[in-house]
N, C-alpha and C. Protein backbone atom coordinates (compact mmCIF):
# COMPACT_ATOMS: atom_id res chain seq x y z
N MET A 1 -50.99 19.01 -47.95
CA MET A 1 -51.79 20.19 -48.21
C MET A 1 -52.99 20.21 -47.24
N ILE A 2 -53.28 21.36 -46.71
CA ILE A 2 -54.42 21.54 -45.83
C ILE A 2 -55.62 21.97 -46.67
N LYS A 3 -56.75 21.29 -46.48
CA LYS A 3 -57.98 21.63 -47.18
C LYS A 3 -59.03 22.03 -46.15
N ARG A 4 -59.52 23.27 -46.26
CA ARG A 4 -60.56 23.77 -45.34
C ARG A 4 -61.90 23.74 -46.07
N ASN A 5 -62.85 23.01 -45.52
CA ASN A 5 -64.15 22.83 -46.16
C ASN A 5 -65.16 23.84 -45.63
N ASN A 6 -65.73 24.61 -46.54
CA ASN A 6 -66.73 25.63 -46.22
C ASN A 6 -66.24 26.58 -45.12
N PRO A 7 -65.08 27.23 -45.35
CA PRO A 7 -64.57 28.15 -44.32
C PRO A 7 -65.47 29.37 -44.16
N LYS A 8 -65.59 29.79 -42.91
CA LYS A 8 -66.36 30.98 -42.55
C LYS A 8 -65.45 31.86 -41.69
N PRO A 9 -65.89 33.03 -41.28
CA PRO A 9 -65.00 33.90 -40.50
C PRO A 9 -64.46 33.26 -39.21
N ARG A 10 -65.25 32.44 -38.52
CA ARG A 10 -64.81 31.85 -37.25
C ARG A 10 -64.32 30.43 -37.34
N LEU A 11 -64.78 29.69 -38.34
CA LEU A 11 -64.43 28.27 -38.42
C LEU A 11 -64.77 27.73 -39.79
N ALA A 12 -64.22 26.55 -40.08
CA ALA A 12 -64.60 25.79 -41.27
C ALA A 12 -65.43 24.60 -40.79
N ASP A 13 -66.29 24.06 -41.67
CA ASP A 13 -67.06 22.88 -41.28
C ASP A 13 -66.12 21.74 -40.89
N SER A 14 -65.04 21.61 -41.67
CA SER A 14 -64.03 20.59 -41.37
C SER A 14 -62.72 21.00 -42.03
N VAL A 15 -61.65 20.34 -41.57
CA VAL A 15 -60.33 20.56 -42.14
C VAL A 15 -59.72 19.19 -42.40
N GLU A 16 -59.17 19.02 -43.60
CA GLU A 16 -58.52 17.77 -43.98
C GLU A 16 -57.01 17.99 -44.05
N TYR A 17 -56.27 17.04 -43.46
CA TYR A 17 -54.82 17.12 -43.51
C TYR A 17 -54.22 15.76 -43.21
N ALA A 18 -53.28 15.34 -44.02
CA ALA A 18 -52.48 14.13 -43.79
C ALA A 18 -53.35 12.89 -43.53
N GLY A 19 -54.42 12.74 -44.30
CA GLY A 19 -55.28 11.57 -44.18
C GLY A 19 -56.26 11.60 -43.03
N LEU A 20 -56.38 12.77 -42.39
CA LEU A 20 -57.33 12.92 -41.30
C LEU A 20 -58.32 14.03 -41.63
N VAL A 21 -59.51 13.93 -41.05
CA VAL A 21 -60.51 15.00 -41.16
C VAL A 21 -60.92 15.40 -39.75
N TYR A 22 -60.85 16.70 -39.51
CA TYR A 22 -61.18 17.29 -38.22
C TYR A 22 -62.49 18.05 -38.39
N LEU A 23 -63.54 17.62 -37.73
CA LEU A 23 -64.81 18.34 -37.81
C LEU A 23 -64.88 19.39 -36.71
N SER A 24 -65.43 20.54 -37.04
CA SER A 24 -65.73 21.53 -36.02
C SER A 24 -66.86 20.98 -35.15
N GLY A 25 -67.04 21.57 -33.99
CA GLY A 25 -68.14 21.15 -33.13
C GLY A 25 -69.47 21.28 -33.84
N GLN A 26 -70.25 20.22 -33.82
CA GLN A 26 -71.53 20.20 -34.51
C GLN A 26 -72.67 20.31 -33.50
N VAL A 27 -73.57 21.22 -33.77
CA VAL A 27 -74.77 21.40 -32.94
C VAL A 27 -75.99 21.11 -33.81
N PRO A 28 -77.13 20.84 -33.20
CA PRO A 28 -78.31 20.50 -34.00
C PRO A 28 -78.83 21.69 -34.80
N ASN A 29 -79.43 21.39 -35.95
CA ASN A 29 -80.12 22.41 -36.74
C ASN A 29 -81.45 22.77 -36.08
N ASP A 30 -82.15 21.74 -35.57
CA ASP A 30 -83.44 21.95 -34.93
C ASP A 30 -83.23 22.00 -33.43
N LEU A 31 -83.41 23.17 -32.85
CA LEU A 31 -83.16 23.36 -31.42
C LEU A 31 -84.40 23.14 -30.56
N ASN A 32 -85.48 22.68 -31.16
CA ASN A 32 -86.73 22.47 -30.42
C ASN A 32 -86.83 21.08 -29.80
N GLY A 33 -85.99 20.15 -30.23
CA GLY A 33 -86.09 18.78 -29.76
C GLY A 33 -85.43 18.55 -28.42
N ASP A 34 -85.71 17.37 -27.84
CA ASP A 34 -85.06 16.96 -26.61
C ASP A 34 -83.66 16.43 -26.94
N ILE A 35 -82.96 15.91 -25.94
CA ILE A 35 -81.59 15.44 -26.15
C ILE A 35 -81.54 14.33 -27.19
N THR A 36 -82.52 13.47 -27.23
CA THR A 36 -82.54 12.38 -28.21
C THR A 36 -82.62 12.94 -29.62
N ALA A 37 -83.56 13.83 -29.87
CA ALA A 37 -83.72 14.42 -31.20
C ALA A 37 -82.50 15.25 -31.59
N GLN A 38 -81.98 16.03 -30.65
CA GLN A 38 -80.82 16.86 -30.96
C GLN A 38 -79.59 16.00 -31.25
N THR A 39 -79.41 14.92 -30.50
CA THR A 39 -78.26 14.04 -30.74
C THR A 39 -78.39 13.37 -32.10
N GLN A 40 -79.58 12.90 -32.45
CA GLN A 40 -79.79 12.29 -33.77
C GLN A 40 -79.48 13.29 -34.88
N ASP A 41 -79.89 14.52 -34.70
CA ASP A 41 -79.64 15.59 -35.66
C ASP A 41 -78.13 15.81 -35.84
N VAL A 42 -77.41 15.91 -34.73
CA VAL A 42 -75.97 16.13 -34.79
C VAL A 42 -75.25 14.95 -35.44
N LEU A 43 -75.63 13.74 -35.09
CA LEU A 43 -74.97 12.57 -35.67
C LEU A 43 -75.23 12.47 -37.17
N ALA A 44 -76.41 12.86 -37.62
CA ALA A 44 -76.69 12.90 -39.06
C ALA A 44 -75.79 13.93 -39.75
N LYS A 45 -75.59 15.07 -39.12
CA LYS A 45 -74.68 16.08 -39.68
C LYS A 45 -73.25 15.52 -39.76
N ILE A 46 -72.82 14.82 -38.72
CA ILE A 46 -71.49 14.23 -38.73
C ILE A 46 -71.36 13.22 -39.86
N ASP A 47 -72.37 12.37 -40.03
CA ASP A 47 -72.36 11.40 -41.14
C ASP A 47 -72.16 12.12 -42.47
N THR A 48 -72.90 13.19 -42.70
CA THR A 48 -72.83 13.94 -43.96
C THR A 48 -71.45 14.57 -44.16
N LEU A 49 -70.94 15.22 -43.12
CA LEU A 49 -69.64 15.87 -43.23
C LEU A 49 -68.51 14.86 -43.44
N LEU A 50 -68.57 13.74 -42.74
CA LEU A 50 -67.54 12.72 -42.94
C LEU A 50 -67.59 12.15 -44.35
N ALA A 51 -68.79 11.89 -44.86
CA ALA A 51 -68.92 11.36 -46.22
C ALA A 51 -68.33 12.33 -47.24
N ALA A 52 -68.54 13.62 -47.03
CA ALA A 52 -68.00 14.64 -47.95
C ALA A 52 -66.48 14.68 -47.91
N SER A 53 -65.88 14.16 -46.85
CA SER A 53 -64.42 14.14 -46.72
C SER A 53 -63.84 12.74 -46.85
N ASN A 54 -64.58 11.86 -47.52
CA ASN A 54 -64.12 10.50 -47.78
C ASN A 54 -63.82 9.73 -46.49
N SER A 55 -64.78 9.78 -45.57
CA SER A 55 -64.66 9.06 -44.31
C SER A 55 -66.06 8.63 -43.88
N ASP A 56 -66.15 8.01 -42.72
CA ASP A 56 -67.45 7.64 -42.15
C ASP A 56 -67.27 7.37 -40.66
N LYS A 57 -68.38 7.10 -39.96
CA LYS A 57 -68.35 6.95 -38.51
C LYS A 57 -67.47 5.80 -38.05
N THR A 58 -67.25 4.79 -38.89
CA THR A 58 -66.41 3.66 -38.50
C THR A 58 -64.93 4.04 -38.47
N ARG A 59 -64.60 5.23 -38.98
CA ARG A 59 -63.22 5.69 -39.04
C ARG A 59 -62.94 6.82 -38.04
N ILE A 60 -63.92 7.10 -37.15
CA ILE A 60 -63.71 8.13 -36.13
C ILE A 60 -62.67 7.64 -35.14
N LEU A 61 -61.66 8.48 -34.91
CA LEU A 61 -60.59 8.15 -33.97
C LEU A 61 -60.87 8.69 -32.58
N SER A 62 -61.43 9.91 -32.53
CA SER A 62 -61.73 10.51 -31.23
C SER A 62 -62.97 11.39 -31.34
N ALA A 63 -63.65 11.52 -30.22
CA ALA A 63 -64.85 12.35 -30.16
C ALA A 63 -64.85 13.12 -28.85
N GLN A 64 -65.22 14.38 -28.95
CA GLN A 64 -65.43 15.22 -27.77
C GLN A 64 -66.89 15.60 -27.75
N VAL A 65 -67.52 15.42 -26.59
CA VAL A 65 -68.95 15.64 -26.46
C VAL A 65 -69.20 16.63 -25.33
N TRP A 66 -70.02 17.62 -25.63
CA TRP A 66 -70.44 18.58 -24.61
C TRP A 66 -71.96 18.44 -24.46
N ILE A 67 -72.41 18.24 -23.23
CA ILE A 67 -73.83 18.06 -22.94
C ILE A 67 -74.23 19.12 -21.91
N LYS A 68 -75.33 19.77 -22.18
CA LYS A 68 -75.76 20.86 -21.31
C LYS A 68 -76.09 20.39 -19.89
N ASN A 69 -76.79 19.27 -19.78
CA ASN A 69 -77.20 18.77 -18.46
C ASN A 69 -76.90 17.28 -18.39
N MET A 70 -75.75 16.93 -17.84
CA MET A 70 -75.32 15.53 -17.78
C MET A 70 -76.27 14.68 -16.92
N GLU A 71 -76.68 15.20 -15.80
CA GLU A 71 -77.54 14.42 -14.91
C GLU A 71 -78.83 14.01 -15.60
N ARG A 72 -79.43 14.94 -16.30
CA ARG A 72 -80.70 14.68 -16.96
C ARG A 72 -80.53 13.91 -18.27
N ASP A 73 -79.48 14.21 -19.06
CA ASP A 73 -79.44 13.77 -20.46
C ASP A 73 -78.37 12.76 -20.84
N PHE A 74 -77.43 12.45 -19.95
CA PHE A 74 -76.31 11.60 -20.34
C PHE A 74 -76.76 10.21 -20.78
N ALA A 75 -77.67 9.59 -20.06
CA ALA A 75 -78.13 8.24 -20.42
C ALA A 75 -78.84 8.25 -21.77
N ALA A 76 -79.69 9.24 -22.00
CA ALA A 76 -80.40 9.32 -23.29
C ALA A 76 -79.43 9.60 -24.43
N PHE A 77 -78.45 10.47 -24.19
CA PHE A 77 -77.42 10.71 -25.21
C PHE A 77 -76.70 9.41 -25.56
N ASN A 78 -76.25 8.68 -24.53
CA ASN A 78 -75.52 7.43 -24.77
C ASN A 78 -76.37 6.40 -25.51
N ALA A 79 -77.66 6.35 -25.26
CA ALA A 79 -78.54 5.41 -25.97
C ALA A 79 -78.52 5.70 -27.47
N VAL A 80 -78.58 6.98 -27.84
CA VAL A 80 -78.54 7.35 -29.26
C VAL A 80 -77.15 7.05 -29.83
N TRP A 81 -76.12 7.44 -29.11
CA TRP A 81 -74.74 7.22 -29.57
C TRP A 81 -74.50 5.73 -29.81
N GLU A 82 -74.89 4.90 -28.84
CA GLU A 82 -74.63 3.46 -28.94
C GLU A 82 -75.41 2.80 -30.07
N SER A 83 -76.58 3.33 -30.40
CA SER A 83 -77.33 2.77 -31.53
C SER A 83 -76.74 3.22 -32.86
N TRP A 84 -75.99 4.31 -32.85
CA TRP A 84 -75.37 4.86 -34.07
C TRP A 84 -73.98 4.29 -34.32
N MET A 85 -73.18 4.12 -33.27
CA MET A 85 -71.78 3.72 -33.41
C MET A 85 -71.61 2.23 -33.21
N PRO A 86 -71.12 1.51 -34.23
CA PRO A 86 -70.85 0.08 -34.04
C PRO A 86 -69.78 -0.11 -32.95
N THR A 87 -70.03 -1.00 -32.01
CA THR A 87 -69.13 -1.21 -30.88
C THR A 87 -67.70 -1.45 -31.32
N GLU A 88 -67.53 -2.25 -32.38
CA GLU A 88 -66.17 -2.57 -32.83
C GLU A 88 -65.43 -1.36 -33.39
N ASN A 89 -66.13 -0.24 -33.59
CA ASN A 89 -65.51 0.97 -34.12
C ASN A 89 -65.53 2.13 -33.12
N SER A 90 -65.79 1.83 -31.85
CA SER A 90 -65.86 2.89 -30.85
C SER A 90 -64.56 3.69 -30.81
N PRO A 91 -64.67 5.02 -30.82
CA PRO A 91 -63.47 5.86 -30.75
C PRO A 91 -63.07 6.15 -29.31
N ALA A 92 -61.93 6.78 -29.15
CA ALA A 92 -61.62 7.39 -27.87
C ALA A 92 -62.61 8.54 -27.71
N ARG A 93 -63.19 8.71 -26.52
CA ARG A 93 -64.25 9.71 -26.36
C ARG A 93 -64.21 10.34 -24.98
N ALA A 94 -64.54 11.62 -24.93
CA ALA A 94 -64.72 12.32 -23.66
C ALA A 94 -66.06 13.04 -23.73
N ALA A 95 -66.76 13.08 -22.61
CA ALA A 95 -68.04 13.80 -22.54
C ALA A 95 -68.06 14.61 -21.25
N VAL A 96 -68.40 15.88 -21.39
CA VAL A 96 -68.45 16.76 -20.22
C VAL A 96 -69.71 17.60 -20.25
N GLU A 97 -70.08 18.11 -19.09
CA GLU A 97 -71.18 19.06 -19.00
C GLU A 97 -70.64 20.45 -19.31
N ALA A 98 -71.42 21.22 -20.07
CA ALA A 98 -70.93 22.55 -20.47
C ALA A 98 -72.07 23.52 -20.69
N ASN A 99 -71.78 24.77 -20.42
CA ASN A 99 -72.69 25.84 -20.84
C ASN A 99 -72.53 25.98 -22.34
N MET A 100 -73.63 26.13 -23.04
CA MET A 100 -73.59 26.20 -24.49
C MET A 100 -73.67 27.65 -24.96
N ALA A 101 -73.27 27.87 -26.19
CA ALA A 101 -73.28 29.22 -26.77
C ALA A 101 -74.70 29.76 -26.90
N ARG A 102 -75.65 28.85 -27.12
CA ARG A 102 -77.07 29.23 -27.18
C ARG A 102 -77.85 28.39 -26.18
N GLU A 103 -78.80 29.01 -25.53
CA GLU A 103 -79.57 28.38 -24.46
C GLU A 103 -80.25 27.08 -24.90
N GLN A 104 -80.73 27.02 -26.15
CA GLN A 104 -81.50 25.86 -26.61
C GLN A 104 -80.65 24.66 -27.00
N VAL A 105 -79.35 24.86 -27.17
CA VAL A 105 -78.46 23.76 -27.58
C VAL A 105 -78.23 22.84 -26.39
N LEU A 106 -78.53 21.56 -26.57
CA LEU A 106 -78.37 20.57 -25.51
C LEU A 106 -77.12 19.71 -25.69
N VAL A 107 -76.56 19.67 -26.92
CA VAL A 107 -75.40 18.81 -27.19
C VAL A 107 -74.57 19.40 -28.33
N GLU A 108 -73.26 19.20 -28.22
CA GLU A 108 -72.33 19.55 -29.29
C GLU A 108 -71.31 18.43 -29.36
N ILE A 109 -70.95 18.04 -30.58
CA ILE A 109 -70.00 16.92 -30.77
C ILE A 109 -68.95 17.34 -31.80
N MET A 110 -67.69 17.03 -31.48
CA MET A 110 -66.56 17.31 -32.37
C MET A 110 -65.80 16.00 -32.55
N VAL A 111 -65.49 15.63 -33.79
CA VAL A 111 -64.78 14.38 -34.04
C VAL A 111 -63.57 14.59 -34.95
N THR A 112 -62.64 13.65 -34.83
CA THR A 112 -61.51 13.52 -35.74
C THR A 112 -61.59 12.12 -36.31
N ALA A 113 -61.44 12.00 -37.63
CA ALA A 113 -61.56 10.69 -38.27
C ALA A 113 -60.48 10.51 -39.32
N ALA A 114 -60.17 9.25 -39.59
CA ALA A 114 -59.26 8.90 -40.67
C ALA A 114 -60.04 8.90 -41.99
N GLN A 115 -59.39 9.34 -43.04
CA GLN A 115 -60.00 9.26 -44.37
C GLN A 115 -59.70 7.88 -44.96
N ARG A 116 -60.50 7.51 -45.97
CA ARG A 116 -60.26 6.23 -46.66
C ARG A 116 -59.05 6.33 -47.55
């Protein structure tokens, strides 16, 4: 059975199917911060959404990361990511530079994780 969590006209916060949870791309709530603050905000949202779907960051299988300015922000993003993600649980991950839907958004992250 497919379970769509908090569906809206364009997307659901997450979708659960066959023991996996697929999160939609998460952007920060507070768009005033730098890449460090925005990344921390997004990772906190991911923690909350995964917990609501009976999962957690140690069960992330893959992550897609979009960063507005890789040259300026990639190292700072990775510092936050590495302090959040235990090395032994590192997922498959891709990170690219991208134009964002809103000018103030510096990072967006989408993950797929296994449920408990």
